[in-house]
Amino acid sequence: MAQKDKLLNRLLSNPKDFTWQELEKILSGYGFEMLATGKTGGSRRRFVNENKVVITLHKPHPSNILKAYQVKDVVTVLKNIGIIKDE
């Protein structure tokens, strides 16, 4: 099983300790690229794929752990674009 598949399974298990770095790896593995938001963007980060699907999240701080709603939002987007198949 590839690393991105393992990360996807971990994301789907709704973990309480999913890190920002793990999110970056999984999204980049599925063709998303993080865009710079400029000087006034603060902690807001945008990920865009070649089909112009946008995922906007606030980078967690001071901790590196995503909030539960952020994990759910990412899963919802990945389901909507067909990366995650409903069983």
C-alpha atoms as a PDB file:
ATOM      1  CA  MET A   1       0.000   0.000   0.000  1.00  0.00           C
ATOM      2  CA  ALA A   2       1.409   3.393  -1.009  1.00  0.00           C
ATOM      3  CA  GLN A   3       2.065   6.093   1.570  1.00  0.00           C
ATOM      4  CA  LYS A   4      -0.705   8.322   0.218  1.00  0.00           C
ATOM      5  CA  ASP A   5      -3.169   5.422   0.540  1.00  0.00           C
ATOM      6  CA  LYS A   6      -2.087   4.878   4.140  1.00  0.00           C
ATOM      7  CA  LEU A   7      -2.504   8.591   4.845  1.00  0.00           C
ATOM      8  CA  LEU A   8      -5.926   8.572   3.183  1.00  0.00           C
ATOM      9  CA  ASN A   9      -7.022   5.647   5.357  1.00  0.00           C
ATOM     10  CA  ARG A  10      -5.721   7.481   8.411  1.00  0.00           C
ATOM     11  CA  LEU A  11      -7.621  10.628   7.394  1.00  0.00           C
ATOM     12  CA  LEU A  12     -10.820   8.603   6.935  1.00  0.00           C
ATOM     13  CA  SER A  13     -10.480   7.159  10.447  1.00  0.00           C
ATOM     14  CA  ASN A  14     -11.106  10.709  11.742  1.00  0.00           C
ATOM     15  CA  PRO A  15      -7.972  10.851  13.910  1.00  0.00           C
ATOM     16  CA  LYS A  16      -7.585  13.408  16.685  1.00  0.00           C
ATOM     17  CA  ASP A  17      -3.875  13.869  15.886  1.00  0.00           C
ATOM     18  CA  PHE A  18      -3.744  14.414  12.102  1.00  0.00           C
ATOM     19  CA  THR A  19      -0.938  16.899  11.437  1.00  0.00           C
ATOM     20  CA  TRP A  20      -0.633  19.736   8.955  1.00  0.00           C
ATOM     21  CA  GLN A  21       2.358  18.004   7.340  1.00  0.00           C
ATOM     22  CA  GLU A  22       0.321  14.847   6.787  1.00  0.00           C
ATOM     23  CA  LEU A  23      -2.403  16.963   5.178  1.00  0.00           C
ATOM     24  CA  GLU A  24       0.130  18.634   2.865  1.00  0.00           C
ATOM     25  CA  LYS A  25       1.498  15.205   1.831  1.00  0.00           C
ATOM     26  CA  ILE A  26      -1.896  13.729   1.086  1.00  0.00           C
ATOM     27  CA  LEU A  27      -3.154  16.749  -0.852  1.00  0.00           C
ATOM     28  CA  SER A  28       0.040  17.078  -2.884  1.00  0.00           C
ATOM     29  CA  GLY A  29      -0.175  13.349  -3.627  1.00  0.00           C
ATOM     30  CA  TYR A  30      -3.578  13.960  -5.205  1.00  0.00           C
ATOM     31  CA  GLY A  31      -2.428  16.913  -7.301  1.00  0.00           C
ATOM     32  CA  PHE A  32      -3.175  19.843  -4.986  1.00  0.00           C
ATOM     33  CA  GLU A  33      -0.739  22.717  -4.688  1.00  0.00           C
ATOM     34  CA  MET A  34      -0.616  25.203  -1.811  1.00  0.00           C
ATOM     35  CA  LEU A  35      -1.010  28.813  -2.920  1.00  0.00           C
ATOM     36  CA  ALA A  36       0.561  31.744  -1.162  1.00  0.00           C
ATOM     37  CA  THR A  37      -2.109  34.102   0.143  1.00  0.00           C
ATOM     38  CA  GLY A  38       0.083  37.190   0.361  1.00  0.00           C
ATOM     39  CA  LYS A  39       1.000  39.443   3.255  1.00  0.00           C
ATOM     40  CA  THR A  40      -2.491  39.749   4.699  1.00  0.00           C
ATOM     41  CA  GLY A  41      -3.411  36.078   4.455  1.00  0.00           C
ATOM     42  CA  GLY A  42      -2.404  35.302   8.014  1.00  0.00           C
ATOM     43  CA  SER A  43      -2.728  31.601   8.737  1.00  0.00           C
ATOM     44  CA  ARG A  44      -5.182  30.983   5.875  1.00  0.00           C
ATOM     45  CA  ARG A  45      -3.901  28.504   3.288  1.00  0.00           C
ATOM     46  CA  ARG A  46      -5.427  27.489  -0.037  1.00  0.00           C
ATOM     47  CA  PHE A  47      -4.855  24.247  -1.882  1.00  0.00           C
ATOM     48  CA  VAL A  48      -5.836  24.092  -5.568  1.00  0.00           C
ATOM     49  CA  ASN A  49      -5.722  21.222  -8.065  1.00  0.00           C
ATOM     50  CA  GLU A  50      -5.578  21.317 -11.878  1.00  0.00           C
ATOM     51  CA  ASN A  51      -9.399  21.351 -12.046  1.00  0.00           C
ATOM     52  CA  LYS A  52      -9.454  24.533  -9.935  1.00  0.00           C
ATOM     53  CA  VAL A  53     -10.965  22.780  -6.912  1.00  0.00           C
ATOM     54  CA  VAL A  54     -10.047  24.915  -3.886  1.00  0.00           C
ATOM     55  CA  ILE A  55      -9.649  23.780  -0.274  1.00  0.00           C
ATOM     56  CA  THR A  56      -9.258  26.703   2.127  1.00  0.00           C
ATOM     57  CA  LEU A  57      -8.103  26.066   5.690  1.00  0.00           C
ATOM     58  CA  HIS A  58      -6.464  27.922   8.526  1.00  0.00           C
ATOM     59  CA  LYS A  59      -3.086  26.453   9.390  1.00  0.00           C
ATOM     60  CA  PRO A  60      -3.296  25.386  13.029  1.00  0.00           C
ATOM     61  CA  HIS A  61      -1.072  27.158  15.526  1.00  0.00           C
ATOM     62  CA  PRO A  62       0.654  26.986  17.908  1.00  0.00           C
ATOM     63  CA  SER A  63      -0.107  23.273  17.700  1.00  0.00           C
ATOM     64  CA  ASN A  64       0.354  21.418  14.426  1.00  0.00           C
ATOM     65  CA  ILE A  65      -2.779  19.271  14.823  1.00  0.00           C
ATOM     66  CA  LEU A  66      -5.849  19.802  12.630  1.00  0.00           C
ATOM     67  CA  LYS A  67      -9.228  20.407  14.250  1.00  0.00           C
ATOM     68  CA  ALA A  68     -11.930  17.758  13.763  1.00  0.00           C
ATOM     69  CA  TYR A  69     -13.992  20.081  11.521  1.00  0.00           C
ATOM     70  CA  GLN A  70     -10.987  20.603   9.240  1.00  0.00           C
ATOM     71  CA  VAL A  71     -10.527  16.854   8.782  1.00  0.00           C
ATOM     72  CA  LYS A  72     -14.237  16.504   7.980  1.00  0.00           C
ATOM     73  CA  ASP A  73     -14.103  19.403   5.500  1.00  0.00           C
ATOM     74  CA  VAL A  74     -11.162  17.873   3.631  1.00  0.00           C
ATOM     75  CA  VAL A  75     -12.859  14.458   3.502  1.00  0.00           C
ATOM     76  CA  THR A  76     -16.044  16.087   2.160  1.00  0.00           C
ATOM     77  CA  VAL A  77     -14.163  17.848  -0.648  1.00  0.00           C
ATOM     78  CA  LEU A  78     -12.228  14.702  -1.561  1.00  0.00           C
ATOM     79  CA  LYS A  79     -15.518  12.761  -1.713  1.00  0.00           C
ATOM     80  CA  ASN A  80     -17.157  15.438  -3.847  1.00  0.00           C
ATOM     81  CA  ILE A  81     -14.398  15.311  -6.463  1.00  0.00           C
ATOM     82  CA  GLY A  82     -14.267  11.505  -6.540  1.00  0.00           C
ATOM     83  CA  ILE A  83     -10.942  10.807  -4.848  1.00  0.00           C
ATOM     84  CA  ILE A  84     -12.731   9.068  -1.998  1.00  0.00           C
ATOM     85  CA  LYS A  85     -15.347   6.567  -3.095  1.00  0.00           C
ATOM     86  CA  ASP A  86     -18.443   6.054  -0.945  1.00  0.00           C
ATOM     87  CA  GLU A  87     -18.830   2.393  -0.124  1.00  0.00           C
END
